[in-house]
Amino acid sequence: MKSVGAGVREIRIKDAAGAFRIIYLANLPDRVLVLHAFQKKTQKTAQRDLELAERRLDLWNRTL
Protein backbone atom coordinates (compact mmCIF):
# COMPACT_ATOMS: atom_id res chain seq x y z
CA MET A 1 0.00 0.00 0.00
CA LYS A 2 2.30 2.70 -1.27
CA SER A 3 -0.42 5.30 -0.63
CA VAL A 4 0.07 4.77 3.13
CA GLY A 5 3.86 4.49 3.13
CA ALA A 6 6.93 2.63 1.96
CA GLY A 7 6.90 -1.07 2.87
CA VAL A 8 3.27 -1.04 4.00
CA ARG A 9 1.25 -4.09 2.92
CA GLU A 10 -2.31 -5.30 3.19
CA ILE A 11 -3.87 -8.64 4.03
CA ARG A 12 -7.33 -9.25 2.60
CA ILE A 13 -9.63 -11.73 4.31
CA LYS A 14 -13.03 -12.71 2.98
CA ASP A 15 -15.41 -15.08 4.77
CA ALA A 16 -19.08 -15.54 5.54
CA ALA A 17 -19.01 -12.59 7.97
CA GLY A 18 -17.73 -10.20 5.29
CA ALA A 19 -14.49 -8.68 4.02
CA PHE A 20 -11.69 -7.59 6.34
CA ARG A 21 -8.39 -5.76 5.85
CA ILE A 22 -5.21 -5.57 7.88
CA ILE A 23 -2.73 -2.84 6.98
CA TYR A 24 0.74 -3.56 8.34
CA LEU A 25 4.48 -2.90 8.08
CA ALA A 26 6.61 -6.05 8.06
CA ASN A 27 10.08 -4.83 7.10
CA LEU A 28 11.15 -4.19 10.69
CA PRO A 29 13.91 -6.46 11.98
CA ASP A 30 12.06 -7.93 14.98
CA ARG A 31 8.32 -7.24 14.66
CA VAL A 32 5.29 -6.69 12.49
CA LEU A 33 3.61 -3.34 13.06
CA VAL A 34 -0.16 -3.54 12.56
CA LEU A 35 -1.31 -0.07 11.56
CA HIS A 36 -5.02 -0.74 11.18
CA ALA A 37 -7.49 -3.64 10.96
CA PHE A 38 -11.10 -3.19 9.94
CA GLN A 39 -14.13 -4.69 8.27
CA LYS A 40 -14.86 -3.41 4.78
CA LYS A 41 -18.39 -2.37 3.96
CA THR A 42 -17.81 -1.16 0.38
CA GLN A 43 -15.61 -2.05 -2.60
CA LYS A 44 -13.24 0.88 -2.08
CA THR A 45 -11.17 1.33 1.07
CA ALA A 46 -12.44 4.42 2.87
CA GLN A 47 -10.09 7.40 2.89
CA ARG A 48 -10.42 7.67 6.68
CA ASP A 49 -9.03 4.12 7.06
CA LEU A 50 -6.03 4.93 4.86
CA GLU A 51 -5.42 8.21 6.70
CA LEU A 52 -5.58 6.48 10.09
CA ALA A 53 -2.96 3.93 8.99
CA GLU A 54 -0.81 6.75 7.61
CA ARG A 55 -1.04 8.72 10.87
CA ARG A 56 -0.10 5.66 12.91
CA LEU A 57 2.90 5.00 10.65
CA ASP A 58 3.97 8.64 11.01
CA LEU A 59 3.67 8.39 14.81
CA TRP A 60 5.74 5.20 14.80
CA ASN A 61 8.45 6.84 12.65
CA ARG A 62 8.63 9.83 15.02
CA THR A 63 9.29 7.56 18.01
CA LEU A 64 12.39 6.01 16.41
PDB file of N, CA and C in Angstrom:
ATOM      1  N   MET A   1       0.842  -1.179   0.000  1.00  0.00           N
ATOM      2  CA  MET A   1       0.000   0.000   0.000  1.00  0.00           C
ATOM      3  C   MET A   1       0.888   1.243   0.000  1.00  0.00           C
ATOM      4  N   LYS A   2       1.405   1.560  -1.140  1.00  0.00           N
ATOM      5  CA  LYS A   2       2.302   2.704  -1.270  1.00  0.00           C
ATOM      6  C   LYS A   2       1.622   4.017  -0.886  1.00  0.00           C
ATOM      7  N   SER A   3       0.292   4.061  -0.987  1.00  0.00           N
ATOM      8  CA  SER A   3      -0.415   5.295  -0.632  1.00  0.00           C
ATOM      9  C   SER A   3      -0.309   5.596   0.857  1.00  0.00           C
ATOM     10  N   VAL A   4      -0.083   4.568   1.681  1.00  0.00           N
ATOM     11  CA  VAL A   4       0.073   4.766   3.128  1.00  0.00           C
ATOM     12  C   VAL A   4       1.531   5.045   3.466  1.00  0.00           C
ATOM     13  N   GLY A   5       2.448   4.277   2.869  1.00  0.00           N
ATOM     14  CA  GLY A   5       3.864   4.486   3.132  1.00  0.00           C
ATOM     15  C   GLY A   5       4.707   3.361   2.557  1.00  0.00           C
ATOM     16  N   ALA A   6       5.999   3.604   2.511  1.00  0.00           N
ATOM     17  CA  ALA A   6       6.931   2.627   1.962  1.00  0.00           C
ATOM     18  C   ALA A   6       6.942   1.360   2.813  1.00  0.00           C
ATOM     19  N   GLY A   7       6.852   0.211   2.173  1.00  0.00           N
ATOM     20  CA  GLY A   7       6.903  -1.066   2.869  1.00  0.00           C
ATOM     21  C   GLY A   7       5.603  -1.504   3.502  1.00  0.00           C
ATOM     22  N   VAL A   8       4.567  -0.703   3.398  1.00  0.00           N
ATOM     23  CA  VAL A   8       3.269  -1.041   3.997  1.00  0.00           C
ATOM     24  C   VAL A   8       2.538  -2.013   3.074  1.00  0.00           C
ATOM     25  N   ARG A   9       1.975  -3.053   3.674  1.00  0.00           N
ATOM     26  CA  ARG A   9       1.254  -4.088   2.922  1.00  0.00           C
ATOM     27  C   ARG A   9      -0.142  -4.280   3.494  1.00  0.00           C
ATOM     28  N   GLU A  10      -0.921  -5.084   2.788  1.00  0.00           N
ATOM     29  CA  GLU A  10      -2.307  -5.303   3.189  1.00  0.00           C
ATOM     30  C   GLU A  10      -2.633  -6.785   3.080  1.00  0.00           C
ATOM     31  N   ILE A  11      -3.325  -7.296   4.084  1.00  0.00           N
ATOM     32  CA  ILE A  11      -3.875  -8.642   4.034  1.00  0.00           C
ATOM     33  C   ILE A  11      -5.373  -8.492   3.823  1.00  0.00           C
ATOM     34  N   ARG A  12      -5.889  -9.258   2.886  1.00  0.00           N
ATOM     35  CA  ARG A  12      -7.326  -9.247   2.604  1.00  0.00           C
ATOM     36  C   ARG A  12      -7.906 -10.590   3.030  1.00  0.00           C
ATOM     37  N   ILE A  13      -8.965 -10.520   3.821  1.00  0.00           N
ATOM     38  CA  ILE A  13      -9.632 -11.728   4.312  1.00  0.00           C
ATOM     39  C   ILE A  13     -11.108 -11.622   3.934  1.00  0.00           C
ATOM     40  N   LYS A  14     -11.620 -12.689   3.345  1.00  0.00           N
ATOM     41  CA  LYS A  14     -13.034 -12.714   2.976  1.00  0.00           C
ATOM     42  C   LYS A  14     -13.621 -14.007   3.509  1.00  0.00           C
ATOM     43  N   ASP A  15     -14.709 -13.891   4.292  1.00  0.00           N
ATOM     44  CA  ASP A  15     -15.407 -15.084   4.775  1.00  0.00           C
ATOM     45  C   ASP A  15     -16.895 -14.792   4.859  1.00  0.00           C
ATOM     46  N   ALA A  16     -17.629 -15.680   5.478  1.00  0.00           N
ATOM     47  CA  ALA A  16     -19.084 -15.537   5.544  1.00  0.00           C
ATOM     48  C   ALA A  16     -19.515 -14.277   6.286  1.00  0.00           C
ATOM     49  N   ALA A  17     -18.686 -13.792   7.197  1.00  0.00           N
ATOM     50  CA  ALA A  17     -19.015 -12.590   7.974  1.00  0.00           C
ATOM     51  C   ALA A  17     -18.737 -11.304   7.203  1.00  0.00           C
ATOM     52  N   GLY A  18     -18.009 -11.382   6.092  1.00  0.00           N
ATOM     53  CA  GLY A  18     -17.726 -10.196   5.294  1.00  0.00           C
ATOM     54  C   GLY A  18     -16.271 -10.119   4.867  1.00  0.00           C
ATOM     55  N   ALA A  19     -15.861  -8.926   4.468  1.00  0.00           N
ATOM     56  CA  ALA A  19     -14.488  -8.676   4.019  1.00  0.00           C
ATOM     57  C   ALA A  19     -13.755  -7.869   5.086  1.00  0.00           C
ATOM     58  N   PHE A  20     -12.504  -8.243   5.324  1.00  0.00           N
ATOM     59  CA  PHE A  20     -11.689  -7.589   6.344  1.00  0.00           C
ATOM     60  C   PHE A  20     -10.340  -7.227   5.749  1.00  0.00           C
ATOM     61  N   ARG A  21      -9.720  -6.195   6.295  1.00  0.00           N
ATOM     62  CA  ARG A  21      -8.394  -5.762   5.850  1.00  0.00           C
ATOM     63  C   ARG A  21      -7.500  -5.531   7.053  1.00  0.00           C
ATOM     64  N   ILE A  22      -6.235  -5.868   6.885  1.00  0.00           N
ATOM     65  CA  ILE A  22      -5.209  -5.571   7.884  1.00  0.00           C
ATOM     66  C   ILE A  22      -4.095  -4.841   7.150  1.00  0.00           C
ATOM     67  N   ILE A  23      -3.797  -3.635   7.574  1.00  0.00           N
ATOM     68  CA  ILE A  23      -2.727  -2.839   6.980  1.00  0.00           C
ATOM     69  C   ILE A  23      -1.549  -2.904   7.945  1.00  0.00           C
ATOM     70  N   TYR A  24      -0.383  -3.313   7.444  1.00  0.00           N
ATOM     71  CA  TYR A  24       0.742  -3.559   8.342  1.00  0.00           C
ATOM     72  C   TYR A  24       2.077  -3.221   7.684  1.00  0.00           C
ATOM     73  N   LEU A  25       3.101  -3.123   8.518  1.00  0.00           N
ATOM     74  CA  LEU A  25       4.480  -2.901   8.082  1.00  0.00           C
ATOM     75  C   LEU A  25       5.287  -4.085   8.583  1.00  0.00           C
ATOM     76  N   ALA A  26       5.913  -4.826   7.665  1.00  0.00           N
ATOM     77  CA  ALA A  26       6.614  -6.050   8.061  1.00  0.00           C
ATOM     78  C   ALA A  26       8.104  -6.006   7.794  1.00  0.00           C
ATOM     79  N   ASN A  27       8.651  -4.871   7.404  1.00  0.00           N
ATOM     80  CA  ASN A  27      10.079  -4.829   7.096  1.00  0.00           C
ATOM     81  C   ASN A  27      10.928  -4.377   8.286  1.00  0.00           C
ATOM     82  N   LEU A  28      10.386  -4.484   9.476  1.00  0.00           N
ATOM     83  CA  LEU A  28      11.145  -4.192  10.692  1.00  0.00           C
ATOM     84  C   LEU A  28      11.916  -5.444  11.085  1.00  0.00           C
ATOM     85  N   PRO A  29      13.075  -5.288  11.704  1.00  0.00           N
ATOM     86  CA  PRO A  29      13.911  -6.463  11.982  1.00  0.00           C
ATOM     87  C   PRO A  29      13.313  -7.468  12.969  1.00  0.00           C
ATOM     88  N   ASP A  30      12.498  -7.019  13.914  1.00  0.00           N
ATOM     89  CA  ASP A  30      12.059  -7.927  14.978  1.00  0.00           C
ATOM     90  C   ASP A  30      10.568  -7.884  15.286  1.00  0.00           C
ATOM     91  N   ARG A  31       9.766  -7.314  14.382  1.00  0.00           N
ATOM     92  CA  ARG A  31       8.323  -7.239  14.663  1.00  0.00           C
ATOM     93  C   ARG A  31       7.527  -6.927  13.403  1.00  0.00           C
ATOM     94  N   VAL A  32       6.244  -7.127  13.513  1.00  0.00           N
ATOM     95  CA  VAL A  32       5.291  -6.691  12.492  1.00  0.00           C
ATOM     96  C   VAL A  32       4.449  -5.613  13.146  1.00  0.00           C
ATOM     97  N   LEU A  33       4.364  -4.469  12.519  1.00  0.00           N
ATOM     98  CA  LEU A  33       3.612  -3.344  13.057  1.00  0.00           C
ATOM     99  C   LEU A  33       2.254  -3.283  12.369  1.00  0.00           C
ATOM    100  N   VAL A  34       1.191  -3.616  13.103  1.00  0.00           N
ATOM    101  CA  VAL A  34      -0.164  -3.538  12.558  1.00  0.00           C
ATOM    102  C   VAL A  34      -0.635  -2.098  12.703  1.00  0.00           C
ATOM    103  N   LEU A  35      -0.899  -1.467  11.568  1.00  0.00           N
ATOM    104  CA  LEU A  35      -1.307  -0.065  11.560  1.00  0.00           C
ATOM    105  C   LEU A  35      -2.817   0.096  11.683  1.00  0.00           C
ATOM    106  N   HIS A  36      -3.562  -0.842  11.119  1.00  0.00           N
ATOM    107  CA  HIS A  36      -5.020  -0.737  11.180  1.00  0.00           C
ATOM    108  C   HIS A  36      -5.634  -2.056  10.725  1.00  0.00           C
ATOM    109  N   ALA A  37      -6.712  -2.470  11.362  1.00  0.00           N
ATOM    110  CA  ALA A  37      -7.488  -3.643  10.962  1.00  0.00           C
ATOM    111  C   ALA A  37      -8.960  -3.260  11.023  1.00  0.00           C
ATOM    112  N   PHE A  38      -9.713  -3.645  10.007  1.00  0.00           N
ATOM    113  CA  PHE A  38     -11.099  -3.194   9.943  1.00  0.00           C
ATOM    114  C   PHE A  38     -11.911  -4.077   9.011  1.00  0.00           C
ATOM    115  N   GLN A  39     -13.223  -3.990   9.171  1.00  0.00           N
ATOM    116  CA  GLN A  39     -14.134  -4.687   8.269  1.00  0.00           C
ATOM    117  C   GLN A  39     -14.531  -3.732   7.159  1.00  0.00           C
ATOM    118  N   LYS A  40     -14.481  -4.236   5.933  1.00  0.00           N
ATOM    119  CA  LYS A  40     -14.860  -3.408   4.785  1.00  0.00           C
ATOM    120  C   LYS A  40     -16.352  -3.527   4.551  1.00  0.00           C
ATOM    121  N   LYS A  41     -16.964  -2.394   4.245  1.00  0.00           N
ATOM    122  CA  LYS A  41     -18.394  -2.368   3.962  1.00  0.00           C
ATOM    123  C   LYS A  41     -18.662  -2.063   2.485  1.00  0.00           C
ATOM    124  N   THR A  42     -17.651  -1.524   1.790  1.00  0.00           N
ATOM    125  CA  THR A  42     -17.812  -1.163   0.380  1.00  0.00           C
ATOM    126  C   THR A  42     -16.631  -1.709  -0.416  1.00  0.00           C
ATOM    127  N   GLN A  43     -16.688  -1.577  -1.733  1.00  0.00           N
ATOM    128  CA  GLN A  43     -15.607  -2.050  -2.598  1.00  0.00           C
ATOM    129  C   GLN A  43     -14.316  -1.275  -2.362  1.00  0.00           C
ATOM    130  N   LYS A  44     -14.415   0.031  -2.225  1.00  0.00           N
ATOM    131  CA  LYS A  44     -13.243   0.883  -2.083  1.00  0.00           C
ATOM    132  C   LYS A  44     -12.902   1.060  -0.608  1.00  0.00           C
ATOM    133  N   THR A  45     -11.599   1.075  -0.307  1.00  0.00           N
ATOM    134  CA  THR A  45     -11.168   1.333   1.069  1.00  0.00           C
ATOM    135  C   THR A  45     -11.425   2.801   1.384  1.00  0.00           C
ATOM    136  N   ALA A  46     -12.093   3.057   2.488  1.00  0.00           N
ATOM    137  CA  ALA A  46     -12.438   4.419   2.870  1.00  0.00           C
ATOM    138  C   ALA A  46     -11.178   5.247   3.123  1.00  0.00           C
ATOM    139  N   GLN A  47     -11.225   6.490   2.716  1.00  0.00           N
ATOM    140  CA  GLN A  47     -10.089   7.400   2.886  1.00  0.00           C
ATOM    141  C   GLN A  47      -9.729   7.534   4.362  1.00  0.00           C
ATOM    142  N   ARG A  48     -10.707   7.529   5.243  1.00  0.00           N
ATOM    143  CA  ARG A  48     -10.424   7.669   6.677  1.00  0.00           C
ATOM    144  C   ARG A  48      -9.600   6.485   7.197  1.00  0.00           C
ATOM    145  N   ASP A  49      -9.819   5.288   6.650  1.00  0.00           N
ATOM    146  CA  ASP A  49      -9.029   4.121   7.058  1.00  0.00           C
ATOM    147  C   ASP A  49      -7.583   4.251   6.591  1.00  0.00           C
ATOM    148  N   LEU A  50      -7.382   4.715   5.374  1.00  0.00           N
ATOM    149  CA  LEU A  50      -6.033   4.934   4.860  1.00  0.00           C
ATOM    150  C   LEU A  50      -5.313   6.026   5.645  1.00  0.00           C
ATOM    151  N   GLU A  51      -6.029   7.099   5.954  1.00  0.00           N
ATOM    152  CA  GLU A  51      -5.425   8.210   6.700  1.00  0.00           C
ATOM    153  C   GLU A  51      -5.056   7.785   8.121  1.00  0.00           C
ATOM    154  N   LEU A  52      -5.883   6.967   8.743  1.00  0.00           N
ATOM    155  CA  LEU A  52      -5.583   6.477  10.086  1.00  0.00           C
ATOM    156  C   LEU A  52      -4.308   5.635  10.072  1.00  0.00           C
ATOM    157  N   ALA A  53      -4.177   4.746   9.114  1.00  0.00           N
ATOM    158  CA  ALA A  53      -2.964   3.932   8.994  1.00  0.00           C
ATOM    159  C   ALA A  53      -1.750   4.820   8.743  1.00  0.00           C
ATOM    160  N   GLU A  54      -1.911   5.824   7.913  1.00  0.00           N
ATOM    161  CA  GLU A  54      -0.809   6.749   7.611  1.00  0.00           C
ATOM    162  C   GLU A  54      -0.396   7.533   8.855  1.00  0.00           C
ATOM    163  N   ARG A  55      -1.355   7.994   9.638  1.00  0.00           N
ATOM    164  CA  ARG A  55      -1.040   8.725  10.875  1.00  0.00           C
ATOM    165  C   ARG A  55      -0.315   7.827  11.870  1.00  0.00           C
ATOM    166  N   ARG A  56      -0.752   6.593  11.986  1.00  0.00           N
ATOM    167  CA  ARG A  56      -0.100   5.660  12.913  1.00  0.00           C
ATOM    168  C   ARG A  56       1.330   5.346  12.461  1.00  0.00           C
ATOM    169  N   LEU A  57       1.541   5.217  11.159  1.00  0.00           N
ATOM    170  CA  LEU A  57       2.895   4.998  10.654  1.00  0.00           C
ATOM    171  C   LEU A  57       3.765   6.220  10.935  1.00  0.00           C
ATOM    172  N   ASP A  58       3.235   7.398  10.734  1.00  0.00           N
ATOM    173  CA  ASP A  58       3.966   8.640  11.012  1.00  0.00           C
ATOM    174  C   ASP A  58       4.337   8.713  12.502  1.00  0.00           C
ATOM    175  N   LEU A  59       3.399   8.392  13.361  1.00  0.00           N
ATOM    176  CA  LEU A  59       3.665   8.393  14.811  1.00  0.00           C
ATOM    177  C   LEU A  59       4.762   7.397  15.154  1.00  0.00           C
ATOM    178  N   TRP A  60       4.709   6.216  14.561  1.00  0.00           N
ATOM    179  CA  TRP A  60       5.742   5.201  14.800  1.00  0.00           C
ATOM    180  C   TRP A  60       7.108   5.724  14.356  1.00  0.00           C
ATOM    181  N   ASN A  61       7.177   6.324  13.175  1.00  0.00           N
ATOM    182  CA  ASN A  61       8.446   6.838  12.652  1.00  0.00           C
ATOM    183  C   ASN A  61       9.004   7.952  13.530  1.00  0.00           C
ATOM    184  N   ARG A  62       8.143   8.735  14.150  1.00  0.00           N
ATOM    185  CA  ARG A  62       8.628   9.827  15.020  1.00  0.00           C
ATOM    186  C   ARG A  62       9.163   9.313  16.341  1.00  0.00           C
ATOM    187  N   THR A  63       8.797   8.093  16.738  1.00  0.00           N
ATOM    188  CA  THR A  63       9.290   7.555  18.013  1.00  0.00           C
ATOM    189  C   THR A  63      10.639   6.862  17.862  1.00  0.00           C
ATOM    190  N   LEU A  64      11.102   6.692  16.644  1.00  0.00           N
ATOM    191  CA  LEU A  64      12.388   6.011  16.413  1.00  0.00           C
ATOM    192  C   LEU A  64      13.564   6.879  16.756  1.00  0.00           C
TER     193      LEU A  64
END
